[in-house]
Amino acid sequence: TLKECKKEEKADREFQKKFKFEGSINILTQMMVDPAAMEKRGGGKNLPLRRGEILDVIQFTNQDQILCRNSQRRCKSVGAEALPA
């Protein structure tokens, strides 16, 4: 619906401002959080993790962190150890 589209656009603009991300947001791939990983609450710049959750990978920032978006369209960093290779 129109209301949902506007909400998604606003979330994307906030993401681009927060992470100084230029251009359109392209999903590189989707990854599932390791079912054996510990669940984390998140906070700061880290995304809360739930076992088996599917995340959209936006950018591989470095070897330790991956920029991801969850099903609630929240974009934050995730530790690479939580996602299987």
Protein backbone atom coordinates (compact mmCIF):
# COMPACT_ATOMS: atom_id res chain seq x y z
CA THR A 1 0.00 0.00 0.00
CA LEU A 2 0.99 3.64 -0.29
CA LYS A 3 1.50 4.00 3.47
CA GLU A 4 3.86 1.01 3.59
CA CYS A 5 5.84 2.28 0.59
CA LYS A 6 6.35 5.67 2.23
CA LYS A 7 7.44 3.99 5.46
CA GLU A 8 9.98 1.85 3.55
CA GLU A 9 11.32 4.90 1.69
CA LYS A 10 11.73 6.78 4.97
CA ALA A 11 13.60 3.82 6.51
CA ASP A 12 15.89 3.68 3.46
CA ARG A 13 16.65 7.43 3.70
CA GLU A 14 17.45 7.12 7.41
CA PHE A 15 19.73 4.17 6.66
CA GLN A 16 21.58 6.11 3.96
CA LYS A 17 22.05 9.07 6.29
CA LYS A 18 23.16 6.97 9.29
CA PHE A 19 25.72 4.85 7.40
CA LYS A 20 26.70 7.57 4.87
CA PHE A 21 25.60 5.18 2.13
CA GLU A 22 25.30 6.70 -1.33
CA GLY A 23 23.24 5.36 -4.20
CA SER A 24 20.42 2.88 -4.13
CA ILE A 25 20.30 0.02 -1.65
CA ASN A 26 20.94 -3.22 -3.51
CA ILE A 27 20.62 -6.59 -1.84
CA LEU A 28 23.74 -8.64 -2.60
CA THR A 29 22.46 -11.89 -1.16
CA GLN A 30 20.42 -13.36 1.65
CA MET A 31 21.94 -15.30 4.52
CA MET A 32 20.46 -17.20 7.42
CA VAL A 33 21.75 -16.67 10.94
CA ASP A 34 23.52 -19.80 12.14
CA PRO A 35 21.00 -21.96 14.06
CA ALA A 36 23.75 -22.84 16.55
CA ALA A 37 24.70 -19.20 17.20
CA MET A 38 23.72 -17.50 20.43
CA GLU A 39 20.86 -15.03 20.17
CA LYS A 40 21.95 -11.42 20.70
CA ARG A 41 19.89 -8.43 21.74
CA GLY A 42 21.74 -5.95 19.57
CA GLY A 43 22.10 -2.28 20.28
CA GLY A 44 24.29 0.54 19.10
CA LYS A 45 25.26 -0.39 15.57
CA ASN A 46 24.58 -4.12 15.94
CA LEU A 47 21.44 -5.85 14.72
CA PRO A 48 19.55 -8.14 17.13
CA LEU A 49 19.95 -11.76 16.02
CA ARG A 50 17.56 -14.68 16.24
CA ARG A 51 18.52 -18.22 15.31
CA GLY A 52 17.55 -19.13 11.77
CA GLU A 53 16.49 -15.59 10.84
CA ILE A 54 16.96 -14.62 7.17
CA LEU A 55 18.94 -11.39 6.65
CA ASP A 56 19.44 -9.33 3.48
CA VAL A 57 23.15 -8.59 2.97
CA ILE A 58 23.66 -5.02 1.77
CA GLN A 59 27.42 -4.65 2.04
CA PHE A 60 30.45 -6.62 3.22
CA THR A 61 32.16 -3.87 5.22
CA ASN A 62 35.18 -5.85 6.42
CA GLN A 63 36.10 -9.37 7.55
CA ASP A 64 34.44 -8.94 10.95
CA GLN A 65 31.26 -7.00 10.10
CA ILE A 66 28.53 -7.29 7.46
CA LEU A 67 25.88 -4.63 6.87
CA CYS A 68 22.48 -6.38 6.89
CA ARG A 69 18.74 -5.71 6.99
CA ASN A 70 16.25 -7.91 8.85
CA SER A 71 12.59 -8.61 8.15
CA GLN A 72 11.53 -5.45 10.04
CA ARG A 73 13.73 -3.44 7.60
CA ARG A 74 16.15 -2.50 10.38
CA CYS A 75 19.66 -2.04 8.98
CA LYS A 76 22.69 -2.52 11.16
CA SER A 77 25.97 -4.41 11.31
CA VAL A 78 26.21 -8.10 12.07
CA GLY A 79 29.28 -9.99 13.22
CA ALA A 80 30.52 -12.33 10.51
CA GLU A 81 30.79 -15.20 13.03
CA ALA A 82 26.98 -15.35 13.27
CA LEU A 83 26.55 -16.01 9.54
CA PRO A 84 27.86 -19.21 7.99
CA ALA A 85 30.21 -18.88 5.03
